């Protein structure tokens, strides 16, 4: 099952993905290694959507295998080199991603059957449970899987090594002139005593 899917997918809601790689299930070559490498335009669009300074490389190698019940198993590896912005200094921060990815694709009817069973049992299901990706009209979208996996792998608050917030009491942001400010809690304490 996908390591990035946390709720049941709804193919009725078209989630925008800048990367589309639709594969027909009937054309899958069992165990054949394949590669997805976005075009320059796709890299730029992904970088823009993820607020990156740049996305220099994104490579996904994978194999697909047909399994029981009409499901498909994917094993792959995602490699990427991105440049983010440090949340402290606003300087560039290199980010290297190299991670294994495993996912399952199930026919939509099978996914809906499980949802119905949970609803009839009165169970809302575990919101953190992993759900398979859907097979819709005999196709799977590997582009969306790659994009979502990449987006979730990015460091959410990137920082340059050694970067830290430095806050000095009594210093204003305008130059080095020290400004003495009264602590608002000290003022409240003094009012309380009076």
N, C-alpha and C. Protein backbone atom coordinates (compact mmCIF):
# COMPACT_ATOMS: atom_id res chain seq x y z
N UNK A 1 0.83 -1.18 0.00
CA UNK A 1 0.00 0.00 0.00
C UNK A 1 0.87 1.24 0.00
N UNK A 2 0.33 2.30 -0.50
CA UNK A 2 1.10 3.52 -0.63
C UNK A 2 1.50 4.07 0.73
N UNK A 3 2.72 4.54 0.83
CA UNK A 3 3.17 5.10 2.09
C UNK A 3 2.69 6.53 2.26
N UNK A 4 2.02 7.08 1.26
CA UNK A 4 1.59 8.47 1.37
C UNK A 4 0.08 8.63 1.40
N UNK A 5 -0.68 7.58 1.22
CA UNK A 5 -2.14 7.68 1.20
C UNK A 5 -2.65 7.41 2.60
N UNK A 6 -3.41 8.33 3.16
CA UNK A 6 -3.89 8.16 4.52
C UNK A 6 -5.40 8.01 4.59
N UNK A 7 -6.11 8.36 3.55
CA UNK A 7 -7.57 8.20 3.56
C UNK A 7 -7.98 7.57 2.24
N UNK A 8 -9.21 7.09 2.19
CA UNK A 8 -9.69 6.47 0.97
C UNK A 8 -9.67 7.47 -0.17
N UNK A 9 -9.11 7.11 -1.30
CA UNK A 9 -9.05 8.03 -2.42
C UNK A 9 -10.43 8.22 -3.04
N UNK A 10 -10.66 9.38 -3.59
CA UNK A 10 -11.91 9.64 -4.28
C UNK A 10 -11.58 10.12 -5.68
N UNK A 11 -11.60 9.20 -6.66
CA UNK A 11 -11.23 9.60 -8.02
C UNK A 11 -12.24 10.55 -8.64
N UNK A 12 -13.43 10.68 -8.01
CA UNK A 12 -14.41 11.63 -8.52
C UNK A 12 -13.88 13.06 -8.37
N UNK A 13 -13.08 13.27 -7.31
CA UNK A 13 -12.49 14.59 -7.08
C UNK A 13 -11.14 14.59 -7.77
N UNK A 14 -11.02 15.38 -8.82
CA UNK A 14 -9.78 15.39 -9.58
C UNK A 14 -8.75 16.23 -8.85
N UNK A 15 -7.80 15.56 -8.19
CA UNK A 15 -6.75 16.28 -7.50
C UNK A 15 -5.72 16.71 -8.53
N UNK A 16 -5.41 17.99 -8.49
CA UNK A 16 -4.47 18.52 -9.46
C UNK A 16 -3.06 17.99 -9.19
N UNK A 17 -2.49 17.40 -10.19
CA UNK A 17 -1.11 16.96 -10.11
C UNK A 17 -0.40 17.44 -11.37
N UNK A 18 0.74 18.08 -11.20
CA UNK A 18 1.46 18.56 -12.38
C UNK A 18 2.12 17.44 -13.18
N UNK A 19 2.11 16.25 -12.59
CA UNK A 19 2.78 15.12 -13.23
C UNK A 19 1.75 14.04 -13.55
N UNK A 20 1.58 13.74 -14.81
CA UNK A 20 0.64 12.69 -15.24
C UNK A 20 1.42 11.61 -15.96
N UNK A 21 1.28 10.40 -15.47
CA UNK A 21 1.86 9.24 -16.16
C UNK A 21 0.85 8.11 -16.02
N UNK A 22 -0.07 8.07 -16.96
CA UNK A 22 -1.14 7.08 -16.94
C UNK A 22 -0.65 5.78 -17.58
N UNK A 23 -0.85 4.67 -16.87
CA UNK A 23 -0.44 3.35 -17.37
C UNK A 23 -1.67 2.47 -17.47
N UNK A 24 -1.86 1.86 -18.64
CA UNK A 24 -2.96 0.91 -18.80
C UNK A 24 -2.54 -0.42 -18.18
N UNK A 25 -3.41 -0.96 -17.33
CA UNK A 25 -3.10 -2.21 -16.64
C UNK A 25 -2.77 -3.33 -17.64
N UNK A 26 -3.46 -3.37 -18.75
CA UNK A 26 -3.23 -4.45 -19.73
C UNK A 26 -1.85 -4.38 -20.38
N UNK A 27 -1.18 -3.22 -20.30
CA UNK A 27 0.15 -3.08 -20.92
C UNK A 27 1.30 -3.32 -19.94
N UNK A 28 0.97 -3.61 -18.68
CA UNK A 28 2.02 -3.80 -17.66
C UNK A 28 2.86 -5.03 -17.99
N UNK A 29 4.18 -4.82 -18.02
CA UNK A 29 5.12 -5.92 -18.22
C UNK A 29 5.62 -6.35 -16.85
N UNK A 30 5.19 -7.50 -16.43
CA UNK A 30 5.44 -8.02 -15.09
C UNK A 30 6.92 -7.97 -14.70
N UNK A 31 7.25 -7.15 -13.67
CA UNK A 31 8.61 -7.10 -13.17
C UNK A 31 9.59 -6.29 -13.99
N UNK A 32 9.14 -5.70 -15.10
CA UNK A 32 10.02 -4.91 -15.96
C UNK A 32 10.33 -3.56 -15.30
N UNK A 33 11.61 -3.23 -15.16
CA UNK A 33 11.95 -1.94 -14.54
C UNK A 33 11.65 -0.80 -15.51
N UNK A 34 10.98 0.21 -14.99
CA UNK A 34 10.60 1.38 -15.78
C UNK A 34 11.12 2.63 -15.07
N UNK A 35 11.13 3.75 -15.78
CA UNK A 35 11.64 5.01 -15.22
C UNK A 35 10.68 6.15 -15.55
N UNK A 36 10.45 7.00 -14.56
CA UNK A 36 9.71 8.25 -14.78
C UNK A 36 10.68 9.39 -14.48
N UNK A 37 10.90 10.23 -15.47
CA UNK A 37 11.75 11.41 -15.30
C UNK A 37 11.01 12.60 -15.90
N UNK A 38 10.54 13.52 -15.05
CA UNK A 38 9.76 14.66 -15.55
C UNK A 38 10.54 15.53 -16.53
N UNK A 39 9.79 16.20 -17.40
CA UNK A 39 10.39 17.14 -18.34
C UNK A 39 10.81 18.40 -17.59
N UNK A 40 11.56 19.25 -18.25
CA UNK A 40 12.00 20.52 -17.66
C UNK A 40 10.80 21.37 -17.23
N UNK A 41 9.77 21.40 -18.08
CA UNK A 41 8.57 22.19 -17.75
C UNK A 41 7.86 21.61 -16.53
N UNK A 42 7.79 20.28 -16.43
CA UNK A 42 7.14 19.65 -15.27
C UNK A 42 7.93 19.92 -14.00
N UNK A 43 9.27 19.87 -14.08
CA UNK A 43 10.11 20.17 -12.91
C UNK A 43 9.85 21.59 -12.42
N UNK A 44 9.74 22.53 -13.35
CA UNK A 44 9.49 23.93 -12.98
C UNK A 44 8.12 24.08 -12.32
N UNK A 45 7.12 23.40 -12.86
CA UNK A 45 5.78 23.49 -12.29
C UNK A 45 5.73 22.87 -10.89
N UNK A 46 6.39 21.73 -10.71
CA UNK A 46 6.43 21.09 -9.39
C UNK A 46 7.16 22.01 -8.40
N UNK A 47 8.27 22.61 -8.82
CA UNK A 47 9.03 23.52 -7.96
C UNK A 47 8.16 24.71 -7.55
N UNK A 48 7.40 25.23 -8.49
CA UNK A 48 6.52 26.36 -8.20
C UNK A 48 5.43 25.98 -7.21
N UNK A 49 4.79 24.83 -7.42
CA UNK A 49 3.71 24.38 -6.53
C UNK A 49 4.22 24.09 -5.13
N UNK A 50 5.46 23.63 -5.00
CA UNK A 50 6.02 23.29 -3.69
C UNK A 50 6.85 24.44 -3.11
N UNK A 51 6.82 25.59 -3.77
CA UNK A 51 7.53 26.78 -3.30
C UNK A 51 9.02 26.52 -3.12
N UNK A 52 9.61 25.85 -4.11
CA UNK A 52 11.04 25.55 -4.09
C UNK A 52 11.80 26.61 -4.87
N UNK A 53 13.05 26.85 -4.50
CA UNK A 53 13.89 27.73 -5.32
C UNK A 53 14.14 27.06 -6.66
N UNK A 54 14.39 25.74 -6.62
CA UNK A 54 14.51 24.98 -7.86
C UNK A 54 14.40 23.49 -7.57
N UNK A 55 14.08 22.75 -8.60
CA UNK A 55 14.05 21.29 -8.53
C UNK A 55 14.96 20.83 -9.67
N UNK A 56 16.14 20.39 -9.29
CA UNK A 56 17.16 20.05 -10.29
C UNK A 56 17.00 18.65 -10.84
N UNK A 57 16.45 17.75 -10.00
CA UNK A 57 16.35 16.36 -10.45
C UNK A 57 15.20 15.67 -9.73
N UNK A 58 14.47 14.86 -10.48
CA UNK A 58 13.44 14.00 -9.91
C UNK A 58 13.40 12.75 -10.78
N UNK A 59 13.70 11.62 -10.16
CA UNK A 59 13.79 10.37 -10.91
C UNK A 59 13.07 9.29 -10.10
N UNK A 60 12.21 8.54 -10.79
CA UNK A 60 11.48 7.46 -10.12
C UNK A 60 11.66 6.19 -10.95
N UNK A 61 12.33 5.19 -10.36
CA UNK A 61 12.47 3.89 -11.02
C UNK A 61 11.55 2.91 -10.29
N UNK A 62 10.90 2.03 -11.05
CA UNK A 62 9.91 1.16 -10.42
C UNK A 62 9.67 -0.11 -11.24
N UNK A 63 9.07 -1.08 -10.56
CA UNK A 63 8.56 -2.28 -11.24
C UNK A 63 7.11 -2.47 -10.79
N UNK A 64 6.31 -3.05 -11.67
CA UNK A 64 4.91 -3.36 -11.37
C UNK A 64 4.70 -4.86 -11.51
N UNK A 65 3.88 -5.40 -10.61
CA UNK A 65 3.54 -6.83 -10.68
C UNK A 65 2.04 -6.98 -10.45
N UNK A 66 1.43 -7.81 -11.28
CA UNK A 66 0.01 -8.10 -11.09
C UNK A 66 -0.13 -9.07 -9.93
N UNK A 67 -1.15 -8.83 -9.09
CA UNK A 67 -1.39 -9.67 -7.91
C UNK A 67 -2.84 -10.13 -7.90
N UNK A 68 -3.21 -10.85 -6.85
CA UNK A 68 -4.56 -11.42 -6.79
C UNK A 68 -5.63 -10.34 -6.67
N UNK A 69 -6.83 -10.69 -7.09
CA UNK A 69 -7.97 -9.78 -6.98
C UNK A 69 -7.90 -8.59 -7.92
N UNK A 70 -7.07 -8.70 -8.94
CA UNK A 70 -6.97 -7.60 -9.90
C UNK A 70 -6.10 -6.45 -9.41
N UNK A 71 -5.37 -6.66 -8.32
CA UNK A 71 -4.53 -5.58 -7.79
C UNK A 71 -3.16 -5.56 -8.46
N UNK A 72 -2.48 -4.44 -8.31
CA UNK A 72 -1.14 -4.24 -8.87
C UNK A 72 -0.23 -3.82 -7.72
N UNK A 73 0.97 -4.40 -7.66
CA UNK A 73 1.94 -4.01 -6.64
C UNK A 73 3.08 -3.25 -7.31
N UNK A 74 3.46 -2.15 -6.67
CA UNK A 74 4.55 -1.32 -7.18
C UNK A 74 5.67 -1.29 -6.15
N UNK A 75 6.89 -1.45 -6.62
CA UNK A 75 8.08 -1.24 -5.80
C UNK A 75 8.96 -0.29 -6.59
N UNK A 76 9.42 0.75 -5.91
CA UNK A 76 10.24 1.72 -6.63
C UNK A 76 11.18 2.48 -5.73
N UNK A 77 11.87 3.43 -6.33
CA UNK A 77 12.80 4.29 -5.60
C UNK A 77 12.66 5.70 -6.16
N UNK A 78 12.50 6.65 -5.24
CA UNK A 78 12.39 8.06 -5.61
C UNK A 78 13.68 8.78 -5.25
N UNK A 79 14.25 9.45 -6.23
CA UNK A 79 15.46 10.24 -6.02
C UNK A 79 15.20 11.65 -6.49
N UNK A 80 15.63 12.62 -5.70
CA UNK A 80 15.41 14.01 -6.08
C UNK A 80 16.47 14.91 -5.49
N UNK A 81 16.71 16.03 -6.17
CA UNK A 81 17.57 17.09 -5.64
C UNK A 81 16.81 18.39 -5.80
N UNK A 82 16.49 18.99 -4.64
CA UNK A 82 15.72 20.23 -4.64
C UNK A 82 16.48 21.29 -3.85
N UNK A 83 16.14 22.53 -4.09
CA UNK A 83 16.68 23.63 -3.29
C UNK A 83 15.50 24.38 -2.68
N UNK A 84 15.46 24.36 -1.34
CA UNK A 84 14.40 25.04 -0.61
C UNK A 84 14.95 26.35 -0.03
N UNK A 85 14.09 27.07 0.70
CA UNK A 85 14.49 28.31 1.34
C UNK A 85 14.50 28.11 2.85
N UNK A 86 15.60 28.49 3.49
CA UNK A 86 15.73 28.37 4.94
C UNK A 86 14.68 29.27 5.60
N UNK A 87 13.94 28.71 6.56
CA UNK A 87 12.88 29.48 7.23
C UNK A 87 13.46 30.52 8.19
N UNK A 88 14.74 30.43 8.50
CA UNK A 88 15.36 31.39 9.42
C UNK A 88 16.08 32.49 8.65
N UNK A 89 16.96 32.09 7.72
CA UNK A 89 17.83 33.07 7.05
C UNK A 89 17.38 33.43 5.64
N UNK A 90 16.44 32.66 5.09
CA UNK A 90 15.96 32.82 3.71
C UNK A 90 17.04 32.48 2.68
N UNK A 91 18.09 31.80 3.12
CA UNK A 91 19.14 31.35 2.21
C UNK A 91 18.75 30.01 1.60
N UNK A 92 19.38 29.63 0.47
CA UNK A 92 19.07 28.33 -0.14
C UNK A 92 19.52 27.16 0.72
N UNK A 93 18.71 26.10 0.71
CA UNK A 93 19.03 24.88 1.45
C UNK A 93 18.88 23.71 0.49
N UNK A 94 19.97 22.94 0.30
CA UNK A 94 19.91 21.76 -0.56
C UNK A 94 19.15 20.64 0.14
N UNK A 95 18.33 19.94 -0.61
CA UNK A 95 17.62 18.79 -0.06
C UNK A 95 17.77 17.63 -1.03
N UNK A 96 18.33 16.53 -0.51
CA UNK A 96 18.49 15.32 -1.30
C UNK A 96 17.48 14.29 -0.78
N UNK A 97 16.75 13.69 -1.70
CA UNK A 97 15.78 12.65 -1.32
C UNK A 97 16.18 11.37 -2.04
N UNK A 98 16.23 10.29 -1.29
CA UNK A 98 16.52 8.97 -1.86
C UNK A 98 15.78 7.98 -0.97
N UNK A 99 14.62 7.52 -1.45
CA UNK A 99 13.79 6.68 -0.59
C UNK A 99 13.06 5.60 -1.37
N UNK A 100 12.84 4.45 -0.71
CA UNK A 100 12.05 3.40 -1.36
C UNK A 100 10.56 3.76 -1.30
N UNK A 101 9.82 3.28 -2.29
CA UNK A 101 8.38 3.52 -2.34
C UNK A 101 7.69 2.20 -2.67
N UNK A 102 6.68 1.88 -1.90
CA UNK A 102 5.85 0.71 -2.19
C UNK A 102 4.40 1.15 -2.20
N UNK A 103 3.64 0.62 -3.15
CA UNK A 103 2.23 0.98 -3.23
C UNK A 103 1.45 -0.18 -3.83
N UNK A 104 0.17 -0.19 -3.53
CA UNK A 104 -0.74 -1.15 -4.15
C UNK A 104 -1.84 -0.37 -4.85
N UNK A 105 -2.25 -0.88 -5.97
CA UNK A 105 -3.38 -0.33 -6.72
C UNK A 105 -4.47 -1.38 -6.73
N UNK A 106 -5.67 -0.99 -6.35
CA UNK A 106 -6.80 -1.92 -6.33
C UNK A 106 -7.89 -1.40 -7.25
N UNK A 107 -8.69 -2.35 -7.80
CA UNK A 107 -9.86 -1.90 -8.58
C UNK A 107 -10.77 -1.06 -7.69
N UNK A 108 -11.34 -0.03 -8.27
CA UNK A 108 -12.20 0.89 -7.54
C UNK A 108 -13.36 0.17 -6.86
N UNK A 109 -13.92 -0.86 -7.51
CA UNK A 109 -15.04 -1.60 -6.93
C UNK A 109 -14.64 -2.25 -5.61
N UNK A 110 -13.41 -2.74 -5.54
CA UNK A 110 -12.91 -3.37 -4.31
C UNK A 110 -12.75 -2.34 -3.18
N UNK A 111 -12.26 -1.16 -3.53
CA UNK A 111 -12.09 -0.10 -2.53
C UNK A 111 -13.46 0.33 -1.99
N UNK A 112 -14.43 0.51 -2.92
CA UNK A 112 -15.79 0.91 -2.50
C UNK A 112 -16.44 -0.17 -1.64
N UNK A 113 -16.18 -1.45 -1.94
CA UNK A 113 -16.76 -2.54 -1.15
C UNK A 113 -16.25 -2.49 0.29
N UNK A 114 -14.96 -2.19 0.48
CA UNK A 114 -14.40 -2.08 1.82
C UNK A 114 -15.01 -0.88 2.55
N UNK A 115 -15.17 0.22 1.84
CA UNK A 115 -15.80 1.40 2.45
C UNK A 115 -17.22 1.09 2.92
N UNK A 116 -17.98 0.35 2.07
CA UNK A 116 -19.36 -0.03 2.43
C UNK A 116 -19.37 -0.94 3.66
N UNK A 117 -18.46 -1.91 3.69
CA UNK A 117 -18.39 -2.83 4.83
C UNK A 117 -18.12 -2.06 6.12
N UNK A 118 -17.22 -1.10 6.07
CA UNK A 118 -16.91 -0.31 7.26
C UNK A 118 -18.12 0.52 7.68
N UNK A 119 -18.82 1.09 6.70
CA UNK A 119 -19.99 1.92 7.01
C UNK A 119 -21.10 1.06 7.63
N UNK A 120 -21.32 -0.14 7.07
CA UNK A 120 -22.36 -1.04 7.60
C UNK A 120 -22.01 -1.54 9.00
N UNK A 121 -20.73 -1.71 9.27
CA UNK A 121 -20.30 -2.16 10.60
C UNK A 121 -20.32 -1.02 11.60
N UNK A 122 -20.63 0.17 11.12
CA UNK A 122 -20.68 1.34 12.00
C UNK A 122 -19.31 1.86 12.38
N UNK A 123 -18.32 1.43 11.62
CA UNK A 123 -16.96 1.87 11.90
C UNK A 123 -16.57 2.94 10.91
N UNK A 124 -16.03 4.03 11.44
CA UNK A 124 -15.56 5.10 10.56
C UNK A 124 -14.20 4.75 9.99
N UNK A 125 -13.61 3.67 10.51
CA UNK A 125 -12.29 3.27 10.03
C UNK A 125 -11.21 4.11 10.68
N UNK A 126 -10.02 3.61 10.62
CA UNK A 126 -8.87 4.32 11.16
C UNK A 126 -8.46 5.41 10.18
N UNK A 127 -8.53 6.69 10.58
CA UNK A 127 -8.17 7.76 9.64
C UNK A 127 -6.71 7.72 9.21
N UNK A 128 -5.87 7.01 9.99
CA UNK A 128 -4.46 6.91 9.63
C UNK A 128 -4.14 5.63 8.85
N UNK A 129 -5.17 4.82 8.63
CA UNK A 129 -4.93 3.57 7.89
C UNK A 129 -4.54 3.89 6.45
N UNK A 130 -3.66 3.07 5.92
CA UNK A 130 -3.22 3.29 4.54
C UNK A 130 -4.20 2.64 3.58
N UNK A 131 -4.54 3.37 2.55
CA UNK A 131 -5.45 2.87 1.53
C UNK A 131 -4.69 2.64 0.25
N UNK A 132 -5.14 1.68 -0.54
CA UNK A 132 -4.49 1.49 -1.85
C UNK A 132 -4.86 2.61 -2.80
N UNK A 133 -4.05 2.75 -3.82
CA UNK A 133 -4.36 3.69 -4.90
C UNK A 133 -5.43 3.04 -5.78
N UNK A 134 -6.27 3.83 -6.43
CA UNK A 134 -7.33 3.24 -7.25
C UNK A 134 -6.89 2.88 -8.67
N UNK A 135 -7.47 1.82 -9.19
CA UNK A 135 -7.37 1.51 -10.62
C UNK A 135 -8.68 2.02 -11.21
N UNK A 136 -8.60 3.00 -12.07
CA UNK A 136 -9.79 3.63 -12.63
C UNK A 136 -9.84 3.38 -14.13
N UNK A 137 -10.93 2.76 -14.57
CA UNK A 137 -11.12 2.45 -16.00
C UNK A 137 -9.91 1.70 -16.58
N UNK A 138 -9.37 0.77 -15.80
CA UNK A 138 -8.26 -0.05 -16.28
C UNK A 138 -6.93 0.68 -16.35
N UNK A 139 -6.82 1.83 -15.65
CA UNK A 139 -5.56 2.58 -15.68
C UNK A 139 -5.13 2.98 -14.26
N UNK A 140 -3.83 3.22 -14.11
CA UNK A 140 -3.30 3.75 -12.86
C UNK A 140 -2.50 5.01 -13.19
N UNK A 141 -2.50 5.96 -12.25
CA UNK A 141 -1.78 7.23 -12.46
C UNK A 141 -0.53 7.24 -11.60
N UNK A 142 0.59 6.91 -12.19
CA UNK A 142 1.85 6.89 -11.46
C UNK A 142 2.39 8.30 -11.23
N UNK A 143 2.02 9.23 -12.10
CA UNK A 143 2.48 10.61 -11.95
C UNK A 143 2.01 11.22 -10.64
N UNK A 144 0.75 11.02 -10.33
CA UNK A 144 0.21 11.56 -9.09
C UNK A 144 0.89 10.93 -7.87
N UNK A 145 1.12 9.62 -7.93
CA UNK A 145 1.80 8.92 -6.84
C UNK A 145 3.20 9.49 -6.62
N UNK A 146 3.94 9.70 -7.71
CA UNK A 146 5.30 10.24 -7.62
C UNK A 146 5.27 11.65 -7.04
N UNK A 147 4.36 12.49 -7.54
CA UNK A 147 4.27 13.88 -7.07
C UNK A 147 3.92 13.94 -5.59
N UNK A 148 2.91 13.18 -5.16
CA UNK A 148 2.49 13.21 -3.76
C UNK A 148 3.58 12.67 -2.84
N UNK A 149 4.26 11.62 -3.28
CA UNK A 149 5.34 11.05 -2.47
C UNK A 149 6.47 12.06 -2.31
N UNK A 150 6.83 12.73 -3.41
CA UNK A 150 7.88 13.75 -3.37
C UNK A 150 7.48 14.90 -2.43
N UNK A 151 6.25 15.38 -2.58
CA UNK A 151 5.78 16.52 -1.77
C UNK A 151 5.82 16.18 -0.28
N UNK A 152 5.43 14.95 0.08
CA UNK A 152 5.44 14.54 1.48
C UNK A 152 6.85 14.28 2.02
N UNK A 153 7.79 13.99 1.12
CA UNK A 153 9.17 13.71 1.55
C UNK A 153 9.96 14.98 1.83
N UNK A 154 9.50 16.12 1.31
CA UNK A 154 10.23 17.38 1.52
C UNK A 154 10.21 17.77 3.00
N UNK A 155 11.31 18.35 3.46
CA UNK A 155 11.37 18.86 4.82
C UNK A 155 10.40 20.04 4.94
N UNK A 156 9.44 19.98 5.88
CA UNK A 156 8.43 21.04 5.93
C UNK A 156 8.97 22.41 6.33
N UNK A 157 9.96 22.47 7.23
CA UNK A 157 10.54 23.75 7.65
C UNK A 157 12.05 23.68 7.52
N UNK A 158 12.55 23.82 6.28
CA UNK A 158 13.99 23.65 6.07
C UNK A 158 14.82 24.74 6.75
N UNK A 159 15.97 24.33 7.32
CA UNK A 159 16.88 25.28 7.96
C UNK A 159 18.30 24.98 7.53
N UNK A 160 19.05 26.04 7.30
CA UNK A 160 20.48 25.86 7.02
C UNK A 160 21.15 25.34 8.28
N UNK A 161 22.19 24.56 8.12
CA UNK A 161 22.91 24.03 9.27
C UNK A 161 23.43 25.18 10.13
N UNK A 162 23.12 25.13 11.41
CA UNK A 162 23.58 26.16 12.33
C UNK A 162 22.67 27.37 12.41
N UNK A 163 21.66 27.46 11.54
CA UNK A 163 20.76 28.62 11.56
C UNK A 163 19.82 28.51 12.76
N UNK A 164 19.71 29.61 13.50
CA UNK A 164 18.83 29.63 14.66
C UNK A 164 18.25 31.02 14.82
N UNK A 165 17.05 31.08 15.38
CA UNK A 165 16.46 32.38 15.67
C UNK A 165 17.25 33.01 16.80
N UNK A 166 17.69 34.26 16.62
CA UNK A 166 18.40 34.95 17.68
C UNK A 166 17.57 36.15 18.08
N UNK A 167 17.10 36.11 19.30
CA UNK A 167 16.24 37.17 19.80
C UNK A 167 16.92 37.79 21.01
N UNK A 168 17.22 39.07 20.90
CA UNK A 168 17.86 39.75 22.03
C UNK A 168 16.87 40.73 22.62
N UNK A 169 16.62 40.58 23.90
CA UNK A 169 15.70 41.46 24.61
C UNK A 169 16.22 42.88 24.57
N UNK A 170 15.37 43.81 24.24
CA UNK A 170 15.75 45.22 24.28
C UNK A 170 16.38 45.74 23.00
N UNK A 171 16.55 44.89 21.99
CA UNK A 171 17.12 45.37 20.72
C UNK A 171 16.00 45.55 19.72
N UNK A 172 16.04 46.64 19.01
CA UNK A 172 15.04 46.84 17.97
C UNK A 172 15.57 46.25 16.68
N UNK A 173 14.69 46.04 15.72
CA UNK A 173 15.11 45.49 14.43
C UNK A 173 15.79 46.54 13.58
N UNK A 174 15.81 47.81 14.03
CA UNK A 174 16.39 48.88 13.23
C UNK A 174 17.74 49.28 13.80
N UNK A 175 18.79 48.69 13.31
CA UNK A 175 20.14 49.06 13.74
C UNK A 175 20.52 48.41 15.06
N UNK A 176 21.61 48.92 15.64
CA UNK A 176 22.15 48.32 16.86
C UNK A 176 21.75 49.06 18.12
N UNK A 177 21.01 50.17 17.99
CA UNK A 177 20.65 50.96 19.18
C UNK A 177 19.76 50.15 20.09
N UNK A 178 20.17 50.04 21.33
CA UNK A 178 19.39 49.27 22.31
C UNK A 178 18.20 50.11 22.75
N UNK A 179 17.09 49.45 22.88
CA UNK A 179 15.86 50.12 23.28
C UNK A 179 15.36 49.41 24.51
N UNK A 180 15.22 50.12 25.61
CA UNK A 180 14.75 49.44 26.81
C UNK A 180 13.23 49.43 26.78
N UNK A 181 12.68 48.24 26.88
CA UNK A 181 11.23 48.07 26.89
C UNK A 181 10.85 47.40 28.19
N UNK A 182 9.72 47.84 28.73
CA UNK A 182 9.25 47.20 29.95
C UNK A 182 8.59 45.89 29.61
N UNK A 183 8.87 44.91 30.40
CA UNK A 183 8.23 43.61 30.25
C UNK A 183 6.74 43.78 30.58
N UNK A 184 5.82 43.40 29.69
CA UNK A 184 4.39 43.61 29.95
C UNK A 184 3.91 42.85 31.18
N UNK A 185 4.53 41.73 31.50
CA UNK A 185 4.12 40.97 32.69
C UNK A 185 4.57 41.69 33.96
N UNK A 186 5.71 42.39 33.89
CA UNK A 186 6.18 43.16 35.05
C UNK A 186 5.21 44.31 35.32
N UNK A 187 4.73 44.92 34.27
CA UNK A 187 3.75 46.01 34.41
C UNK A 187 2.48 45.49 35.05
N UNK A 188 1.99 44.33 34.61
CA UNK A 188 0.78 43.74 35.19
C UNK A 188 1.00 43.39 36.67
N UNK A 189 2.18 42.88 37.00
CA UNK A 189 2.49 42.52 38.39
C UNK A 189 2.46 43.76 39.26
N UNK A 190 3.00 44.88 38.73
CA UNK A 190 3.02 46.12 39.50
C UNK A 190 1.60 46.65 39.70
N UNK A 191 0.75 46.55 38.69
CA UNK A 191 -0.65 46.98 38.81
C UNK A 191 -1.37 46.12 39.84
N UNK A 192 -1.07 44.87 39.89
CA UNK A 192 -1.71 43.93 40.82
C UNK A 192 -1.36 44.30 42.27
N UNK A 193 -0.11 44.74 42.49
CA UNK A 193 0.33 45.11 43.83
C UNK A 193 -0.34 46.39 44.31
N UNK A 194 -0.65 47.29 43.40
CA UNK A 194 -1.26 48.59 43.80
C UNK A 194 -2.69 48.48 44.20
